[in-house]
Amino acid sequence: MFVLFALVSLSLHAADRPPVNPTVQRSQWNGFERLDLFVAGRPCLLVRPKVPAAGNPWIWRTEFFGHEPQADIALLERGWHLAYMDAKDMYGSPQAMSLFGQFYAHLLAYYGLAPRVVLEGLSRGGLYAFNFAAAHPNRVAALYLDAPVLDIRSWPGRNRAAKEWKECLAAYNLTEETLVAFRGNPLDRIPLVASGRVPIIAVCGDADTTVPFAENTALLEKRYRELGGTIEVILKPGGEHHPHSLKDPTPIVNFLLQHARL
């Protein structure tokens, strides 16, 4: 295990290498130890299980930490770690991915977490989770997507007057004119994730008008299956964008325990 960890650490890009370990604040979160720290100038946190599972598996919530945390808590109870980096209002852009690379490297270097992580992309967090998987499929054990945004034209782009749309364009250094040629959406990058054999589970509502299923996960499911990828979609009849997750997260947890490439 040590040799594997050393090889992974050496393979990290120079820009991803972590700085000196920062000051850590300790507290409790749902009965588990929570560590708050800063990496690359961004607030981050790591929640530790009471008894770590073999190999230190972990799940990384890419947005909205603490919202509908049923699956997170269930995995903590099974010995997984839970991580989060605050990259709000960056919409999974290349700059956000650079920050994520530094956080990933930091957690492996200082906390010995598994080289492959499960990324949890809830709503706009889907942009972060999928784009990280597309950039680094060898670092991703699986994706858990929950009503995910997979096309910025679908959200926030359906409301061109919204501040989120202006923020999103700025994050990607786009204009309405250059958007026409933009090919950096998760839906554009499906082959990269499929080639990495990353298993995907998605939970969605079929009546979601905020992030429409037909414009996002339905397209992902079709294309991923065509490419031979493993994907399971749990579609909630009449379900809207909220509430996220499932009251009983067992189907999510079981999929990850069975399919994640840990």
C-alpha atoms as a PDB file:
ATOM      1  CA  MET A   1       0.000   0.000   0.000  1.00  0.00           C
ATOM      2  CA  PHE A   2       2.885   2.320   0.823  1.00  0.00           C
ATOM      3  CA  VAL A   3       4.488   1.708  -2.588  1.00  0.00           C
ATOM      4  CA  LEU A   4       1.186   2.453  -4.353  1.00  0.00           C
ATOM      5  CA  PHE A   5       0.733   5.660  -2.372  1.00  0.00           C
ATOM      6  CA  ALA A   6       4.295   6.749  -3.136  1.00  0.00           C
ATOM      7  CA  LEU A   7       3.843   6.141  -6.864  1.00  0.00           C
ATOM      8  CA  VAL A   8       0.589   8.107  -6.939  1.00  0.00           C
ATOM      9  CA  SER A   9       2.152  10.977  -5.003  1.00  0.00           C
ATOM     10  CA  LEU A  10       5.098  11.140  -7.411  1.00  0.00           C
ATOM     11  CA  SER A  11       2.744  11.191 -10.400  1.00  0.00           C
ATOM     12  CA  LEU A  12       0.971  14.345  -9.267  1.00  0.00           C
ATOM     13  CA  HIS A  13       1.550  17.360 -11.469  1.00  0.00           C
ATOM     14  CA  ALA A  14       3.853  19.954  -9.943  1.00  0.00           C
ATOM     15  CA  ALA A  15       1.011  22.496  -9.783  1.00  0.00           C
ATOM     16  CA  ASP A  16      -0.954  20.033  -7.648  1.00  0.00           C
ATOM     17  CA  ARG A  17       1.714  19.539  -5.008  1.00  0.00           C
ATOM     18  CA  PRO A  18       0.506  20.677  -1.586  1.00  0.00           C
ATOM     19  CA  PRO A  19       2.077  23.440   0.501  1.00  0.00           C
ATOM     20  CA  VAL A  20       3.144  23.098   4.119  1.00  0.00           C
ATOM     21  CA  ASN A  21       0.349  21.621   6.239  1.00  0.00           C
ATOM     22  CA  PRO A  22      -1.847  24.515   7.455  1.00  0.00           C
ATOM     23  CA  THR A  23      -3.456  25.028  10.819  1.00  0.00           C
ATOM     24  CA  VAL A  24      -6.374  22.670  11.393  1.00  0.00           C
ATOM     25  CA  GLN A  25      -9.497  23.411  13.465  1.00  0.00           C
ATOM     26  CA  ARG A  26     -11.206  20.392  15.020  1.00  0.00           C
ATOM     27  CA  SER A  27     -14.909  20.000  15.804  1.00  0.00           C
ATOM     28  CA  GLN A  28     -17.737  17.464  15.479  1.00  0.00           C
ATOM     29  CA  TRP A  29     -20.127  16.834  12.591  1.00  0.00           C
ATOM     30  CA  ASN A  30     -22.965  14.344  13.092  1.00  0.00           C
ATOM     31  CA  GLY A  31     -20.892  12.523  15.685  1.00  0.00           C
ATOM     32  CA  PHE A  32     -17.705  12.366  13.594  1.00  0.00           C
ATOM     33  CA  GLU A  33     -14.475  14.358  13.867  1.00  0.00           C
ATOM     34  CA  ARG A  34     -14.434  17.340  11.502  1.00  0.00           C
ATOM     35  CA  LEU A  35     -11.215  19.044  10.424  1.00  0.00           C
ATOM     36  CA  ASP A  36     -11.415  22.565   8.966  1.00  0.00           C
ATOM     37  CA  LEU A  37      -8.400  23.803   7.058  1.00  0.00           C
ATOM     38  CA  PHE A  38      -7.328  25.994   4.166  1.00  0.00           C
ATOM     39  CA  VAL A  39      -5.798  24.693   0.937  1.00  0.00           C
ATOM     40  CA  ALA A  40      -4.809  27.067  -1.881  1.00  0.00           C
ATOM     41  CA  GLY A  41      -6.470  29.838   0.127  1.00  0.00           C
ATOM     42  CA  ARG A  42      -9.872  28.124   0.097  1.00  0.00           C
ATOM     43  CA  PRO A  43     -11.835  26.819   3.112  1.00  0.00           C
ATOM     44  CA  CYS A  44     -11.874  23.032   3.113  1.00  0.00           C
ATOM     45  CA  LEU A  45     -12.912  20.282   5.455  1.00  0.00           C
ATOM     46  CA  LEU A  46     -12.409  16.602   6.062  1.00  0.00           C
ATOM     47  CA  VAL A  47     -14.719  14.466   8.192  1.00  0.00           C
ATOM     48  CA  ARG A  48     -13.124  11.339   9.617  1.00  0.00           C
ATOM     49  CA  PRO A  49     -14.838   8.017  10.345  1.00  0.00           C
ATOM     50  CA  LYS A  50     -14.528   6.511  13.790  1.00  0.00           C
ATOM     51  CA  VAL A  51     -12.840   3.423  12.354  1.00  0.00           C
ATOM     52  CA  PRO A  52     -11.370   3.908   8.850  1.00  0.00           C
ATOM     53  CA  ALA A  53     -12.097   1.209   6.295  1.00  0.00           C
ATOM     54  CA  ALA A  54      -9.185  -0.581   4.666  1.00  0.00           C
ATOM     55  CA  GLY A  55      -7.454   1.620   2.124  1.00  0.00           C
ATOM     56  CA  ASN A  56      -9.031   4.861   3.427  1.00  0.00           C
ATOM     57  CA  PRO A  57     -11.848   5.243   0.860  1.00  0.00           C
ATOM     58  CA  TRP A  58     -13.472   8.669   0.623  1.00  0.00           C
ATOM     59  CA  ILE A  59     -16.316  10.612  -0.907  1.00  0.00           C
ATOM     60  CA  TRP A  60     -15.889  14.235  -1.985  1.00  0.00           C
ATOM     61  CA  ARG A  61     -18.962  16.483  -1.892  1.00  0.00           C
ATOM     62  CA  THR A  62     -18.251  19.088  -4.562  1.00  0.00           C
ATOM     63  CA  GLU A  63     -20.996  21.558  -3.577  1.00  0.00           C
ATOM     64  CA  PHE A  64     -23.577  22.224  -0.842  1.00  0.00           C
ATOM     65  CA  PHE A  65     -21.836  20.449   2.009  1.00  0.00           C
ATOM     66  CA  GLY A  66     -24.269  19.175   4.647  1.00  0.00           C
ATOM     67  CA  HIS A  67     -27.388  19.348   2.471  1.00  0.00           C
ATOM     68  CA  GLU A  68     -29.319  16.053   2.502  1.00  0.00           C
ATOM     69  CA  PRO A  69     -26.244  14.208   3.825  1.00  0.00           C
ATOM     70  CA  GLN A  70     -27.849  10.762   4.155  1.00  0.00           C
ATOM     71  CA  ALA A  71     -25.407   8.988   1.840  1.00  0.00           C
ATOM     72  CA  ASP A  72     -22.416  10.836   3.325  1.00  0.00           C
ATOM     73  CA  ILE A  73     -23.310   9.779   6.858  1.00  0.00           C
ATOM     74  CA  ALA A  74     -23.999   6.197   5.797  1.00  0.00           C
ATOM     75  CA  LEU A  75     -20.544   5.984   4.214  1.00  0.00           C
ATOM     76  CA  LEU A  76     -18.882   7.560   7.263  1.00  0.00           C
ATOM     77  CA  GLU A  77     -20.509   4.821   9.330  1.00  0.00           C
ATOM     78  CA  ARG A  78     -18.856   2.301   7.003  1.00  0.00           C
ATOM     79  CA  GLY A  79     -15.424   3.807   7.530  1.00  0.00           C
ATOM     80  CA  TRP A  80     -15.219   6.246   4.624  1.00  0.00           C
ATOM     81  CA  HIS A  81     -13.865   9.798   4.883  1.00  0.00           C
ATOM     82  CA  LEU A  82     -15.889  12.795   3.642  1.00  0.00           C
ATOM     83  CA  ALA A  83     -14.226  15.832   2.044  1.00  0.00           C
ATOM     84  CA  TYR A  84     -15.244  19.256   0.741  1.00  0.00           C
ATOM     85  CA  MET A  85     -13.494  22.267  -0.796  1.00  0.00           C
ATOM     86  CA  ASP A  86     -15.270  25.608  -1.066  1.00  0.00           C
ATOM     87  CA  ALA A  87     -15.049  26.618  -4.732  1.00  0.00           C
ATOM     88  CA  LYS A  88     -18.433  28.334  -4.861  1.00  0.00           C
ATOM     89  CA  ASP A  89     -19.444  30.374  -7.894  1.00  0.00           C
ATOM     90  CA  MET A  90     -16.767  28.755 -10.085  1.00  0.00           C
ATOM     91  CA  TYR A  91     -19.147  26.365 -11.878  1.00  0.00           C
ATOM     92  CA  GLY A  92     -16.640  23.558 -12.405  1.00  0.00           C
ATOM     93  CA  SER A  93     -14.419  25.823 -14.520  1.00  0.00           C
ATOM     94  CA  PRO A  94     -10.725  25.155 -15.267  1.00  0.00           C
ATOM     95  CA  GLN A  95      -9.741  27.414 -12.358  1.00  0.00           C
ATOM     96  CA  ALA A  96     -11.927  25.344 -10.031  1.00  0.00           C
ATOM     97  CA  MET A  97     -10.315  22.164 -11.368  1.00  0.00           C
ATOM     98  CA  SER A  98      -6.874  23.575 -10.598  1.00  0.00           C
ATOM     99  CA  LEU A  99      -7.954  24.185  -7.002  1.00  0.00           C
ATOM    100  CA  PHE A 100      -9.457  20.698  -6.815  1.00  0.00           C
ATOM    101  CA  GLY A 101      -6.171  19.227  -7.986  1.00  0.00           C
ATOM    102  CA  GLN A 102      -4.354  20.939  -5.130  1.00  0.00           C
ATOM    103  CA  PHE A 103      -6.922  19.732  -2.580  1.00  0.00           C
ATOM    104  CA  TYR A 104      -6.756  16.172  -3.892  1.00  0.00           C
ATOM    105  CA  ALA A 105      -2.961  16.200  -3.606  1.00  0.00           C
ATOM    106  CA  HIS A 106      -3.144  17.644  -0.109  1.00  0.00           C
ATOM    107  CA  LEU A 107      -5.480  14.929   1.176  1.00  0.00           C
ATOM    108  CA  LEU A 108      -3.337  12.149  -0.240  1.00  0.00           C
ATOM    109  CA  ALA A 109      -0.100  13.658   1.053  1.00  0.00           C
ATOM    110  CA  TYR A 110      -1.219  14.542   4.578  1.00  0.00           C
ATOM    111  CA  TYR A 111      -4.061  12.118   5.318  1.00  0.00           C
ATOM    112  CA  GLY A 112      -3.194   9.053   3.261  1.00  0.00           C
ATOM    113  CA  LEU A 113      -6.557   8.832   1.523  1.00  0.00           C
ATOM    114  CA  ALA A 114      -7.140   6.378  -1.314  1.00  0.00           C
ATOM    115  CA  PRO A 115      -5.760   7.379  -4.735  1.00  0.00           C
ATOM    116  CA  ARG A 116      -9.266   7.068  -6.218  1.00  0.00           C
ATOM    117  CA  VAL A 117     -12.160   9.107  -4.820  1.00  0.00           C
ATOM    118  CA  VAL A 118     -15.933   8.988  -5.228  1.00  0.00           C
ATOM    119  CA  LEU A 119     -17.085  12.437  -6.361  1.00  0.00           C
ATOM    120  CA  GLU A 120     -20.551  13.559  -5.283  1.00  0.00           C
ATOM    121  CA  GLY A 121     -22.049  16.151  -7.622  1.00  0.00           C
ATOM    122  CA  LEU A 122     -25.286  17.605  -6.316  1.00  0.00           C
ATOM    123  CA  SER A 123     -27.037  20.101  -8.629  1.00  0.00           C
ATOM    124  CA  ARG A 124     -24.395  22.544  -9.948  1.00  0.00           C
ATOM    125  CA  GLY A 125     -21.888  20.330  -8.179  1.00  0.00           C
ATOM    126  CA  GLY A 126     -22.320  18.001 -11.147  1.00  0.00           C
ATOM    127  CA  LEU A 127     -20.211  20.410 -13.209  1.00  0.00           C
ATOM    128  CA  TYR A 128     -17.324  20.057 -10.752  1.00  0.00           C
ATOM    129  CA  ALA A 129     -17.613  16.305 -10.247  1.00  0.00           C
ATOM    130  CA  PHE A 130     -17.874  15.374 -13.928  1.00  0.00           C
ATOM    131  CA  ASN A 131     -15.211  17.801 -15.119  1.00  0.00           C
ATOM    132  CA  PHE A 132     -12.754  16.507 -12.522  1.00  0.00           C
ATOM    133  CA  ALA A 133     -13.494  12.948 -13.632  1.00  0.00           C
ATOM    134  CA  ALA A 134     -12.985  13.945 -17.270  1.00  0.00           C
ATOM    135  CA  ALA A 135      -9.632  15.557 -16.448  1.00  0.00           C
ATOM    136  CA  HIS A 136      -8.460  12.801 -14.078  1.00  0.00           C
ATOM    137  CA  PRO A 137     -10.366   9.535 -14.656  1.00  0.00           C
ATOM    138  CA  ASN A 138      -7.530   7.596 -12.993  1.00  0.00           C
ATOM    139  CA  ARG A 139      -8.221   9.478  -9.748  1.00  0.00           C
ATOM    140  CA  VAL A 140     -11.952   8.719  -9.660  1.00  0.00           C
ATOM    141  CA  ALA A 141     -13.486   5.545  -8.204  1.00  0.00           C
ATOM    142  CA  ALA A 142     -17.074   6.453  -9.120  1.00  0.00           C
ATOM    143  CA  LEU A 143     -19.482   9.351  -9.559  1.00  0.00           C
ATOM    144  CA  TYR A 144     -22.621   9.918  -7.514  1.00  0.00           C
ATOM    145  CA  LEU A 145     -24.635  12.598  -9.320  1.00  0.00           C
ATOM    146  CA  ASP A 146     -27.798  14.073  -7.811  1.00  0.00           C
ATOM    147  CA  ALA A 147     -30.008  16.167 -10.130  1.00  0.00           C
ATOM    148  CA  PRO A 148     -26.725  17.252 -11.716  1.00  0.00           C
ATOM    149  CA  VAL A 149     -26.060  20.178 -14.022  1.00  0.00           C
ATOM    150  CA  LEU A 150     -24.266  18.706 -17.037  1.00  0.00           C
ATOM    151  CA  ASP A 151     -24.765  21.552 -19.527  1.00  0.00           C
ATOM    152  CA  ILE A 152     -24.388  25.227 -18.609  1.00  0.00           C
ATOM    153  CA  ARG A 153     -26.808  26.111 -21.403  1.00  0.00           C
ATOM    154  CA  SER A 154     -29.504  24.173 -19.530  1.00  0.00           C
ATOM    155  CA  TRP A 155     -28.625  25.766 -16.178  1.00  0.00           C
ATOM    156  CA  PRO A 156     -27.937  28.572 -15.513  1.00  0.00           C
ATOM    157  CA  GLY A 157     -28.153  29.436 -19.199  1.00  0.00           C
ATOM    158  CA  ARG A 158     -31.903  29.068 -19.563  1.00  0.00           C
ATOM    159  CA  ASN A 159     -32.199  32.378 -17.667  1.00  0.00           C
ATOM    160  CA  ARG A 160     -29.747  34.669 -19.430  1.00  0.00           C
ATOM    161  CA  ALA A 161     -30.607  37.572 -17.096  1.00  0.00           C
ATOM    162  CA  ALA A 162     -29.628  35.679 -13.917  1.00  0.00           C
ATOM    163  CA  LYS A 163     -26.520  36.654 -11.975  1.00  0.00           C
ATOM    164  CA  GLU A 164     -25.520  32.974 -11.987  1.00  0.00           C
ATOM    165  CA  TRP A 165     -25.337  33.048 -15.781  1.00  0.00           C
ATOM    166  CA  LYS A 166     -23.069  36.085 -15.739  1.00  0.00           C
ATOM    167  CA  GLU A 167     -20.884  34.424 -13.085  1.00  0.00           C
ATOM    168  CA  CYS A 168     -20.745  31.223 -15.110  1.00  0.00           C
ATOM    169  CA  LEU A 169     -19.686  32.975 -18.308  1.00  0.00           C
ATOM    170  CA  ALA A 170     -16.988  34.846 -16.390  1.00  0.00           C
ATOM    171  CA  ALA A 171     -15.752  31.636 -14.722  1.00  0.00           C
ATOM    172  CA  TYR A 172     -15.229  30.040 -18.140  1.00  0.00           C
ATOM    173  CA  ASN A 173     -13.990  33.270 -19.746  1.00  0.00           C
ATOM    174  CA  LEU A 174     -16.891  33.102 -22.196  1.00  0.00           C
ATOM    175  CA  THR A 175     -19.190  35.588 -23.892  1.00  0.00           C
ATOM    176  CA  GLU A 176     -22.543  34.959 -25.553  1.00  0.00           C
ATOM    177  CA  GLU A 177     -20.651  34.982 -28.866  1.00  0.00           C
ATOM    178  CA  THR A 178     -17.866  32.549 -27.896  1.00  0.00           C
ATOM    179  CA  LEU A 179     -20.371  30.261 -26.156  1.00  0.00           C
ATOM    180  CA  VAL A 180     -21.410  28.940 -29.576  1.00  0.00           C
ATOM    181  CA  ALA A 181     -18.094  27.089 -29.937  1.00  0.00           C
ATOM    182  CA  PHE A 182     -17.819  26.044 -26.258  1.00  0.00           C
ATOM    183  CA  ARG A 183     -17.183  22.321 -25.806  1.00  0.00           C
ATOM    184  CA  GLY A 184     -16.277  22.203 -22.114  1.00  0.00           C
ATOM    185  CA  ASN A 185     -19.559  20.919 -20.713  1.00  0.00           C
ATOM    186  CA  PRO A 186     -19.732  17.529 -18.990  1.00  0.00           C
ATOM    187  CA  LEU A 187     -21.983  16.319 -21.828  1.00  0.00           C
ATOM    188  CA  ASP A 188     -19.148  17.132 -24.236  1.00  0.00           C
ATOM    189  CA  ARG A 189     -16.658  15.110 -22.188  1.00  0.00           C
ATOM    190  CA  ILE A 190     -18.526  11.849 -21.684  1.00  0.00           C
ATOM    191  CA  PRO A 191     -16.042   9.759 -23.734  1.00  0.00           C
ATOM    192  CA  LEU A 192     -13.184  10.788 -21.429  1.00  0.00           C
ATOM    193  CA  VAL A 193     -15.019   9.476 -18.375  1.00  0.00           C
ATOM    194  CA  ALA A 194     -16.268   6.354 -20.134  1.00  0.00           C
ATOM    195  CA  SER A 195     -12.743   5.509 -21.310  1.00  0.00           C
ATOM    196  CA  GLY A 196     -11.677   5.587 -17.664  1.00  0.00           C
ATOM    197  CA  ARG A 197     -14.390   3.013 -16.818  1.00  0.00           C
ATOM    198  CA  VAL A 198     -15.806   5.276 -14.090  1.00  0.00           C
ATOM    199  CA  PRO A 199     -19.102   3.863 -12.756  1.00  0.00           C
ATOM    200  CA  ILE A 200     -21.919   6.377 -12.296  1.00  0.00           C
ATOM    201  CA  ILE A 201     -25.043   6.444 -10.167  1.00  0.00           C
ATOM    202  CA  ALA A 202     -27.509   9.299 -10.613  1.00  0.00           C
ATOM    203  CA  VAL A 203     -30.602  10.284  -8.617  1.00  0.00           C
ATOM    204  CA  CYS A 204     -33.034  12.615 -10.381  1.00  0.00           C
ATOM    205  CA  GLY A 205     -36.645  13.772 -10.448  1.00  0.00           C
ATOM    206  CA  ASP A 206     -38.487  13.391 -13.725  1.00  0.00           C
ATOM    207  CA  ALA A 207     -40.387  16.653 -13.102  1.00  0.00           C
ATOM    208  CA  ASP A 208     -37.290  18.768 -12.372  1.00  0.00           C
ATOM    209  CA  THR A 209     -37.799  22.160 -14.057  1.00  0.00           C
ATOM    210  CA  THR A 210     -34.641  23.732 -12.590  1.00  0.00           C
ATOM    211  CA  VAL A 211     -32.189  21.235 -14.061  1.00  0.00           C
ATOM    212  CA  PRO A 212     -34.375  19.280 -16.506  1.00  0.00           C
ATOM    213  CA  PHE A 213     -33.684  15.555 -16.597  1.00  0.00           C
ATOM    214  CA  ALA A 214     -34.147  15.383 -20.385  1.00  0.00           C
ATOM    215  CA  GLU A 215     -31.448  18.018 -20.978  1.00  0.00           C
ATOM    216  CA  ASN A 216     -28.912  16.588 -18.557  1.00  0.00           C
ATOM    217  CA  THR A 217     -28.909  13.099 -17.027  1.00  0.00           C
ATOM    218  CA  ALA A 218     -31.083  11.485 -19.718  1.00  0.00           C
ATOM    219  CA  LEU A 219     -28.492  12.457 -22.351  1.00  0.00           C
ATOM    220  CA  LEU A 220     -25.653  11.247 -20.131  1.00  0.00           C
ATOM    221  CA  GLU A 221     -27.352   7.901 -19.528  1.00  0.00           C
ATOM    222  CA  LYS A 222     -27.938   7.259 -23.236  1.00  0.00           C
ATOM    223  CA  ARG A 223     -24.434   8.202 -24.345  1.00  0.00           C
ATOM    224  CA  TYR A 224     -22.713   6.440 -21.456  1.00  0.00           C
ATOM    225  CA  ARG A 225     -24.511   3.171 -22.158  1.00  0.00           C
ATOM    226  CA  GLU A 226     -23.667   3.456 -25.863  1.00  0.00           C
ATOM    227  CA  LEU A 227     -19.995   3.720 -24.881  1.00  0.00           C
ATOM    228  CA  GLY A 228     -20.250   0.647 -22.671  1.00  0.00           C
ATOM    229  CA  GLY A 229     -20.101   2.516 -19.383  1.00  0.00           C
ATOM    230  CA  THR A 230     -21.674   1.399 -16.118  1.00  0.00           C
ATOM    231  CA  ILE A 231     -24.486   3.757 -15.117  1.00  0.00           C
ATOM    232  CA  GLU A 232     -27.556   3.398 -12.920  1.00  0.00           C
ATOM    233  CA  VAL A 233     -30.238   6.112 -12.828  1.00  0.00           C
ATOM    234  CA  ILE A 234     -32.772   6.280 -10.018  1.00  0.00           C
ATOM    235  CA  LEU A 235     -35.615   8.383 -11.389  1.00  0.00           C
ATOM    236  CA  LYS A 236     -38.123   9.727  -8.860  1.00  0.00           C
ATOM    237  CA  PRO A 237     -41.624   9.897 -10.459  1.00  0.00           C
ATOM    238  CA  GLY A 238     -43.011  13.411 -10.062  1.00  0.00           C
ATOM    239  CA  GLY A 239     -39.784  14.452  -8.369  1.00  0.00           C
ATOM    240  CA  GLU A 240     -38.642  18.056  -8.680  1.00  0.00           C
ATOM    241  CA  HIS A 241     -35.165  19.476  -8.121  1.00  0.00           C
ATOM    242  CA  HIS A 242     -35.695  19.308  -4.356  1.00  0.00           C
ATOM    243  CA  PRO A 243     -35.467  17.332  -2.192  1.00  0.00           C
ATOM    244  CA  HIS A 244     -32.152  15.818  -3.214  1.00  0.00           C
ATOM    245  CA  SER A 245     -30.886  12.341  -2.416  1.00  0.00           C
ATOM    246  CA  LEU A 246     -33.103   9.554  -1.068  1.00  0.00           C
ATOM    247  CA  LYS A 247     -34.624   9.270   2.398  1.00  0.00           C
ATOM    248  CA  ASP A 248     -33.047   5.845   2.563  1.00  0.00           C
ATOM    249  CA  PRO A 249     -29.619   6.082   0.893  1.00  0.00           C
ATOM    250  CA  THR A 250     -29.136   2.304   0.777  1.00  0.00           C
ATOM    251  CA  PRO A 251     -29.382   2.053  -3.060  1.00  0.00           C
ATOM    252  CA  ILE A 252     -26.705   4.750  -3.437  1.00  0.00           C
ATOM    253  CA  VAL A 253     -24.407   3.199  -0.845  1.00  0.00           C
ATOM    254  CA  ASN A 254     -24.832  -0.308  -2.240  1.00  0.00           C
ATOM    255  CA  PHE A 255     -23.989   0.855  -5.765  1.00  0.00           C
ATOM    256  CA  LEU A 256     -20.812   2.543  -4.556  1.00  0.00           C
ATOM    257  CA  LEU A 257     -19.741  -0.401  -2.433  1.00  0.00           C
ATOM    258  CA  GLN A 258     -20.314  -2.749  -5.362  1.00  0.00           C
ATOM    259  CA  HIS A 259     -18.998  -0.709  -8.295  1.00  0.00           C
ATOM    260  CA  ALA A 260     -16.522   1.917  -7.048  1.00  0.00           C
ATOM    261  CA  ARG A 261     -13.017   1.176  -8.313  1.00  0.00           C
ATOM    262  CA  LEU A 262     -11.326   1.564  -4.936  1.00  0.00           C
END
